[in-house]
């Protein structure tokens, strides 16, 4: 059991719900949304961002490697909090081949900084998007390592230019950045960005 499995049942606190609403609002300002847009939320957690996007999007798939998070999403589908036709996937794009499905929008929020090698995941996002599809990455600006503390093996946030170069190398057009609020912690404030790019 991972720490995310253990935290899944109490994940949806007011702070995370507000953050998801803010991310969804910035996504709506950055990319075109409509009920025909096919969405993949990767590293979806409990599906809060998909919830916040609501009826501005169409068919959804939600992927997370945590069985606890997937269990909470399944409960939300059963109760109507998430769409009845939402698909819940146990897929790890750093090691698993991408599914055969295609999407118009891939969203990933505070997930990429957990992934040491971004190249296969970004390439999988490109493979999953139709031509002209949009990638939206909401994550942390570069920080000093205090967000996760000692023993963390991912990224201490991202330098915008370095991340943009990696996204573009994976098959996307120019990356645009927007400020996306922050994560508030007792030890400090951690700014977030939204990076968007179109599959080339």
C-alpha atoms as a PDB file:
ATOM      1  CA  UNK A   1       0.000   0.000   0.000  1.00  0.00           C
ATOM      2  CA  UNK A   2       1.330   3.432  -0.942  1.00  0.00           C
ATOM      3  CA  UNK A   3       0.896   6.655   0.996  1.00  0.00           C
ATOM      4  CA  UNK A   4      -1.604   7.718  -1.672  1.00  0.00           C
ATOM      5  CA  UNK A   5      -3.664   4.566  -1.016  1.00  0.00           C
ATOM      6  CA  UNK A   6      -3.725   5.428   2.682  1.00  0.00           C
ATOM      7  CA  UNK A   7      -4.719   9.047   2.067  1.00  0.00           C
ATOM      8  CA  UNK A   8      -7.340   8.416  -0.621  1.00  0.00           C
ATOM      9  CA  UNK A   9     -10.389   8.264   1.670  1.00  0.00           C
ATOM     10  CA  UNK A  10      -9.667  11.703   3.151  1.00  0.00           C
ATOM     11  CA  UNK A  11      -8.119  13.287   0.060  1.00  0.00           C
ATOM     12  CA  UNK A  12     -11.007  15.590  -0.891  1.00  0.00           C
ATOM     13  CA  UNK A  13     -10.476  18.305   1.688  1.00  0.00           C
ATOM     14  CA  UNK A  14     -11.563  21.911   1.039  1.00  0.00           C
ATOM     15  CA  UNK A  15      -8.053  23.023   0.065  1.00  0.00           C
ATOM     16  CA  UNK A  16      -7.651  20.361  -2.635  1.00  0.00           C
ATOM     17  CA  UNK A  17     -11.193  20.913  -3.884  1.00  0.00           C
ATOM     18  CA  UNK A  18     -10.558  24.654  -4.232  1.00  0.00           C
ATOM     19  CA  UNK A  19      -7.232  23.995  -5.957  1.00  0.00           C
ATOM     20  CA  UNK A  20      -8.899  21.652  -8.458  1.00  0.00           C
ATOM     21  CA  UNK A  21     -11.538  24.295  -9.196  1.00  0.00           C
ATOM     22  CA  UNK A  22      -8.801  26.874  -9.765  1.00  0.00           C
ATOM     23  CA  UNK A  23      -6.858  24.558 -12.098  1.00  0.00           C
ATOM     24  CA  UNK A  24     -10.055  23.776 -14.027  1.00  0.00           C
ATOM     25  CA  UNK A  25     -10.767  27.491 -14.370  1.00  0.00           C
ATOM     26  CA  UNK A  26      -7.293  28.195 -15.777  1.00  0.00           C
ATOM     27  CA  UNK A  27      -7.593  25.218 -18.152  1.00  0.00           C
ATOM     28  CA  UNK A  28     -10.879  26.674 -19.396  1.00  0.00           C
ATOM     29  CA  UNK A  29      -9.132  29.978 -20.104  1.00  0.00           C
ATOM     30  CA  UNK A  30      -6.232  28.278 -21.911  1.00  0.00           C
ATOM     31  CA  UNK A  31      -7.780  25.626 -24.173  1.00  0.00           C
ATOM     32  CA  UNK A  32     -11.119  25.141 -25.963  1.00  0.00           C
ATOM     33  CA  UNK A  33     -13.594  22.997 -24.037  1.00  0.00           C
ATOM     34  CA  UNK A  34     -16.874  21.494 -25.236  1.00  0.00           C
ATOM     35  CA  UNK A  35     -19.082  18.462 -24.515  1.00  0.00           C
ATOM     36  CA  UNK A  36     -17.391  16.699 -27.442  1.00  0.00           C
ATOM     37  CA  UNK A  37     -13.891  16.929 -25.936  1.00  0.00           C
ATOM     38  CA  UNK A  38     -12.503  13.524 -24.952  1.00  0.00           C
ATOM     39  CA  UNK A  39     -10.474  13.923 -21.745  1.00  0.00           C
ATOM     40  CA  UNK A  40      -7.779  11.821 -20.124  1.00  0.00           C
ATOM     41  CA  UNK A  41      -6.832  12.945 -16.624  1.00  0.00           C
ATOM     42  CA  UNK A  42      -3.524  11.264 -15.765  1.00  0.00           C
ATOM     43  CA  UNK A  43      -2.549  10.940 -12.125  1.00  0.00           C
ATOM     44  CA  UNK A  44      -6.172  11.790 -11.480  1.00  0.00           C
ATOM     45  CA  UNK A  45      -6.199  11.071  -7.752  1.00  0.00           C
ATOM     46  CA  UNK A  46      -9.868  11.157  -6.814  1.00  0.00           C
ATOM     47  CA  UNK A  47     -10.889  12.920 -10.036  1.00  0.00           C
ATOM     48  CA  UNK A  48     -11.289  16.380  -8.543  1.00  0.00           C
ATOM     49  CA  UNK A  49     -10.186  18.266 -11.660  1.00  0.00           C
ATOM     50  CA  UNK A  50     -12.519  16.242 -13.880  1.00  0.00           C
ATOM     51  CA  UNK A  51     -15.315  16.990 -11.396  1.00  0.00           C
ATOM     52  CA  UNK A  52     -14.516  20.688 -11.573  1.00  0.00           C
ATOM     53  CA  UNK A  53     -14.518  20.668 -15.386  1.00  0.00           C
ATOM     54  CA  UNK A  54     -18.008  19.165 -15.206  1.00  0.00           C
ATOM     55  CA  UNK A  55     -20.194  19.452 -18.285  1.00  0.00           C
ATOM     56  CA  UNK A  56     -17.615  21.566 -20.129  1.00  0.00           C
ATOM     57  CA  UNK A  57     -16.050  18.298 -21.349  1.00  0.00           C
ATOM     58  CA  UNK A  58     -17.266  15.051 -22.892  1.00  0.00           C
ATOM     59  CA  UNK A  59     -16.193  11.406 -22.412  1.00  0.00           C
ATOM     60  CA  UNK A  60     -13.552  10.953 -19.709  1.00  0.00           C
ATOM     61  CA  UNK A  61     -10.921   8.435 -18.712  1.00  0.00           C
ATOM     62  CA  UNK A  62      -9.162   8.775 -15.369  1.00  0.00           C
ATOM     63  CA  UNK A  63      -5.828   7.050 -14.776  1.00  0.00           C
ATOM     64  CA  UNK A  64      -4.047   6.602 -11.470  1.00  0.00           C
ATOM     65  CA  UNK A  65      -1.541   4.065 -10.174  1.00  0.00           C
ATOM     66  CA  UNK A  66      -3.024   4.138  -6.641  1.00  0.00           C
ATOM     67  CA  UNK A  67      -5.692   1.502  -6.043  1.00  0.00           C
ATOM     68  CA  UNK A  68      -7.044   3.599  -3.183  1.00  0.00           C
ATOM     69  CA  UNK A  69      -7.565   6.601  -5.435  1.00  0.00           C
ATOM     70  CA  UNK A  70      -9.179   4.442  -8.105  1.00  0.00           C
ATOM     71  CA  UNK A  71     -11.524   3.040  -5.466  1.00  0.00           C
ATOM     72  CA  UNK A  72     -12.665   6.535  -4.495  1.00  0.00           C
ATOM     73  CA  UNK A  73     -13.229   7.400  -8.158  1.00  0.00           C
ATOM     74  CA  UNK A  74     -15.280   4.225  -8.630  1.00  0.00           C
ATOM     75  CA  UNK A  75     -17.467   5.291  -5.694  1.00  0.00           C
ATOM     76  CA  UNK A  76     -17.908   8.713  -7.283  1.00  0.00           C
ATOM     77  CA  UNK A  77     -18.984   7.119 -10.559  1.00  0.00           C
ATOM     78  CA  UNK A  78     -21.489   4.974  -8.657  1.00  0.00           C
ATOM     79  CA  UNK A  79     -22.953   8.011  -6.877  1.00  0.00           C
ATOM     80  CA  UNK A  80     -22.991  10.282  -9.931  1.00  0.00           C
ATOM     81  CA  UNK A  81     -20.266  12.632  -8.699  1.00  0.00           C
ATOM     82  CA  UNK A  82     -18.231  11.567 -11.727  1.00  0.00           C
ATOM     83  CA  UNK A  83     -19.884  10.716 -15.069  1.00  0.00           C
ATOM     84  CA  UNK A  84     -21.548   7.307 -15.245  1.00  0.00           C
ATOM     85  CA  UNK A  85     -19.551   6.423 -18.366  1.00  0.00           C
ATOM     86  CA  UNK A  86     -16.180   7.494 -16.932  1.00  0.00           C
ATOM     87  CA  UNK A  87     -13.470   4.890 -17.400  1.00  0.00           C
ATOM     88  CA  UNK A  88     -10.986   4.306 -14.577  1.00  0.00           C
ATOM     89  CA  UNK A  89      -7.595   2.973 -15.592  1.00  0.00           C
ATOM     90  CA  UNK A  90      -4.696   1.459 -13.672  1.00  0.00           C
ATOM     91  CA  UNK A  91      -1.960   2.514 -16.063  1.00  0.00           C
ATOM     92  CA  UNK A  92       1.582   3.748 -15.469  1.00  0.00           C
ATOM     93  CA  UNK A  93       2.771   5.431 -18.647  1.00  0.00           C
ATOM     94  CA  UNK A  94       6.394   5.382 -17.455  1.00  0.00           C
ATOM     95  CA  UNK A  95       6.384   1.604 -17.915  1.00  0.00           C
ATOM     96  CA  UNK A  96       3.128   0.574 -19.636  1.00  0.00           C
ATOM     97  CA  UNK A  97       2.394   1.073 -23.336  1.00  0.00           C
ATOM     98  CA  UNK A  98      -0.283   3.710 -23.922  1.00  0.00           C
ATOM     99  CA  UNK A  99      -3.808   2.380 -24.503  1.00  0.00           C
ATOM    100  CA  UNK A 100      -5.212   2.417 -28.028  1.00  0.00           C
ATOM    101  CA  UNK A 101      -7.735   5.147 -27.173  1.00  0.00           C
ATOM    102  CA  UNK A 102      -7.414   8.689 -28.501  1.00  0.00           C
ATOM    103  CA  UNK A 103      -8.206  11.957 -26.757  1.00  0.00           C
ATOM    104  CA  UNK A 104      -8.596  15.649 -27.461  1.00  0.00           C
ATOM    105  CA  UNK A 105      -7.260  16.770 -24.080  1.00  0.00           C
ATOM    106  CA  UNK A 106      -4.791  15.279 -21.595  1.00  0.00           C
ATOM    107  CA  UNK A 107      -4.650  16.902 -18.157  1.00  0.00           C
ATOM    108  CA  UNK A 108      -2.152  16.071 -15.432  1.00  0.00           C
ATOM    109  CA  UNK A 109      -1.988  17.968 -12.142  1.00  0.00           C
ATOM    110  CA  UNK A 110       0.862  17.776  -9.602  1.00  0.00           C
ATOM    111  CA  UNK A 111       1.841  14.400 -11.044  1.00  0.00           C
ATOM    112  CA  UNK A 112       4.851  14.908 -13.294  1.00  0.00           C
ATOM    113  CA  UNK A 113       7.126  16.024 -10.462  1.00  0.00           C
ATOM    114  CA  UNK A 114       6.770  12.497  -9.038  1.00  0.00           C
ATOM    115  CA  UNK A 115       8.116  10.919 -12.263  1.00  0.00           C
ATOM    116  CA  UNK A 116      11.935  10.848 -12.535  1.00  0.00           C
ATOM    117  CA  UNK A 117      12.065  10.245 -16.315  1.00  0.00           C
ATOM    118  CA  UNK A 118       9.448  12.326 -18.100  1.00  0.00           C
ATOM    119  CA  UNK A 119      10.357  11.340 -21.668  1.00  0.00           C
ATOM    120  CA  UNK A 120       8.279   8.128 -21.954  1.00  0.00           C
ATOM    121  CA  UNK A 121       5.275   9.723 -20.249  1.00  0.00           C
ATOM    122  CA  UNK A 122       5.319  12.815 -22.455  1.00  0.00           C
ATOM    123  CA  UNK A 123       5.723  10.616 -25.543  1.00  0.00           C
ATOM    124  CA  UNK A 124       2.728   8.554 -24.397  1.00  0.00           C
ATOM    125  CA  UNK A 125       0.672  11.739 -24.003  1.00  0.00           C
ATOM    126  CA  UNK A 126       1.519  12.656 -27.598  1.00  0.00           C
ATOM    127  CA  UNK A 127       0.548   9.162 -28.762  1.00  0.00           C
ATOM    128  CA  UNK A 128      -2.787   9.373 -26.934  1.00  0.00           C
ATOM    129  CA  UNK A 129      -3.766  12.736 -28.420  1.00  0.00           C
ATOM    130  CA  UNK A 130      -5.253  13.237 -31.857  1.00  0.00           C
ATOM    131  CA  UNK A 131      -3.583  15.844 -34.062  1.00  0.00           C
ATOM    132  CA  UNK A 132      -4.454  19.246 -32.661  1.00  0.00           C
ATOM    133  CA  UNK A 133      -5.188  17.815 -29.213  1.00  0.00           C
ATOM    134  CA  UNK A 134      -4.103  19.752 -26.144  1.00  0.00           C
ATOM    135  CA  UNK A 135      -1.834  18.825 -23.240  1.00  0.00           C
ATOM    136  CA  UNK A 136      -2.318  20.668 -19.942  1.00  0.00           C
ATOM    137  CA  UNK A 137       0.285  20.230 -17.198  1.00  0.00           C
ATOM    138  CA  UNK A 138      -0.324  21.920 -13.850  1.00  0.00           C
ATOM    139  CA  UNK A 139       2.638  21.565 -11.532  1.00  0.00           C
ATOM    140  CA  UNK A 140       5.051  23.301  -9.200  1.00  0.00           C
ATOM    141  CA  UNK A 141       7.510  26.007 -10.095  1.00  0.00           C
ATOM    142  CA  UNK A 142      11.105  25.148  -9.171  1.00  0.00           C
ATOM    143  CA  UNK A 143      11.468  24.906  -5.396  1.00  0.00           C
ATOM    144  CA  UNK A 144      14.249  24.069  -2.945  1.00  0.00           C
ATOM    145  CA  UNK A 145      13.144  20.521  -2.139  1.00  0.00           C
ATOM    146  CA  UNK A 146      11.170  21.391   0.976  1.00  0.00           C
ATOM    147  CA  UNK A 147       7.813  20.538  -0.644  1.00  0.00           C
ATOM    148  CA  UNK A 148       8.417  16.795  -0.274  1.00  0.00           C
ATOM    149  CA  UNK A 149      11.458  16.831   1.998  1.00  0.00           C
ATOM    150  CA  UNK A 150      14.282  14.330   2.250  1.00  0.00           C
ATOM    151  CA  UNK A 151      14.106  11.016   0.437  1.00  0.00           C
ATOM    152  CA  UNK A 152      12.008  12.282  -2.472  1.00  0.00           C
ATOM    153  CA  UNK A 153      13.291  11.012  -5.817  1.00  0.00           C
ATOM    154  CA  UNK A 154      11.237  13.119  -8.216  1.00  0.00           C
ATOM    155  CA  UNK A 155      11.619  16.728  -9.353  1.00  0.00           C
ATOM    156  CA  UNK A 156      11.725  19.740  -7.039  1.00  0.00           C
ATOM    157  CA  UNK A 157       9.261  21.547  -9.245  1.00  0.00           C
ATOM    158  CA  UNK A 158      10.183  22.559 -12.779  1.00  0.00           C
ATOM    159  CA  UNK A 159      12.086  25.267 -14.554  1.00  0.00           C
ATOM    160  CA  UNK A 160       9.641  26.472 -17.195  1.00  0.00           C
ATOM    161  CA  UNK A 161      12.133  26.581 -20.069  1.00  0.00           C
ATOM    162  CA  UNK A 162      13.515  23.118 -19.313  1.00  0.00           C
ATOM    163  CA  UNK A 163      10.050  21.565 -19.079  1.00  0.00           C
ATOM    164  CA  UNK A 164       8.953  23.298 -22.282  1.00  0.00           C
ATOM    165  CA  UNK A 165      11.936  21.824 -24.119  1.00  0.00           C
ATOM    166  CA  UNK A 166      11.029  18.321 -22.926  1.00  0.00           C
ATOM    167  CA  UNK A 167       7.369  18.711 -23.921  1.00  0.00           C
ATOM    168  CA  UNK A 168       8.253  20.039 -27.369  1.00  0.00           C
ATOM    169  CA  UNK A 169      10.792  17.228 -27.896  1.00  0.00           C
ATOM    170  CA  UNK A 170       7.996  14.706 -27.249  1.00  0.00           C
ATOM    171  CA  UNK A 171       6.009  15.884 -30.278  1.00  0.00           C
ATOM    172  CA  UNK A 172       4.240  19.060 -29.187  1.00  0.00           C
ATOM    173  CA  UNK A 173       4.210  22.589 -30.522  1.00  0.00           C
ATOM    174  CA  UNK A 174       5.344  25.646 -28.555  1.00  0.00           C
ATOM    175  CA  UNK A 175       4.468  25.538 -24.853  1.00  0.00           C
ATOM    176  CA  UNK A 176       2.577  28.388 -23.221  1.00  0.00           C
ATOM    177  CA  UNK A 177       2.612  29.013 -19.472  1.00  0.00           C
ATOM    178  CA  UNK A 178       0.108  30.632 -17.159  1.00  0.00           C
ATOM    179  CA  UNK A 179       0.244  31.213 -13.431  1.00  0.00           C
ATOM    180  CA  UNK A 180      -2.032  28.771 -11.638  1.00  0.00           C
ATOM    181  CA  UNK A 181      -2.161  29.833  -8.012  1.00  0.00           C
ATOM    182  CA  UNK A 182      -0.182  28.029  -5.356  1.00  0.00           C
ATOM    183  CA  UNK A 183      -0.105  25.196  -2.861  1.00  0.00           C
ATOM    184  CA  UNK A 184      -0.222  26.521   0.682  1.00  0.00           C
ATOM    185  CA  UNK A 185       1.709  24.566   3.294  1.00  0.00           C
ATOM    186  CA  UNK A 186       2.588  25.387   6.919  1.00  0.00           C
ATOM    187  CA  UNK A 187       6.217  25.714   5.804  1.00  0.00           C
ATOM    188  CA  UNK A 188       5.540  28.022   2.892  1.00  0.00           C
ATOM    189  CA  UNK A 189       3.767  28.859  -0.350  1.00  0.00           C
ATOM    190  CA  UNK A 190       4.599  26.903  -3.500  1.00  0.00           C
ATOM    191  CA  UNK A 191       3.576  28.606  -6.765  1.00  0.00           C
ATOM    192  CA  UNK A 192       2.049  26.541  -9.571  1.00  0.00           C
ATOM    193  CA  UNK A 193       1.934  26.992 -13.343  1.00  0.00           C
ATOM    194  CA  UNK A 194      -0.239  25.607 -16.119  1.00  0.00           C
ATOM    195  CA  UNK A 195       1.715  24.584 -19.218  1.00  0.00           C
ATOM    196  CA  UNK A 196      -0.283  24.001 -22.406  1.00  0.00           C
ATOM    197  CA  UNK A 197       0.786  22.669 -25.777  1.00  0.00           C
ATOM    198  CA  UNK A 198      -0.824  21.320 -28.934  1.00  0.00           C
ATOM    199  CA  UNK A 199       0.149  17.952 -30.366  1.00  0.00           C
ATOM    200  CA  UNK A 200       2.156  18.732 -33.479  1.00  0.00           C
END
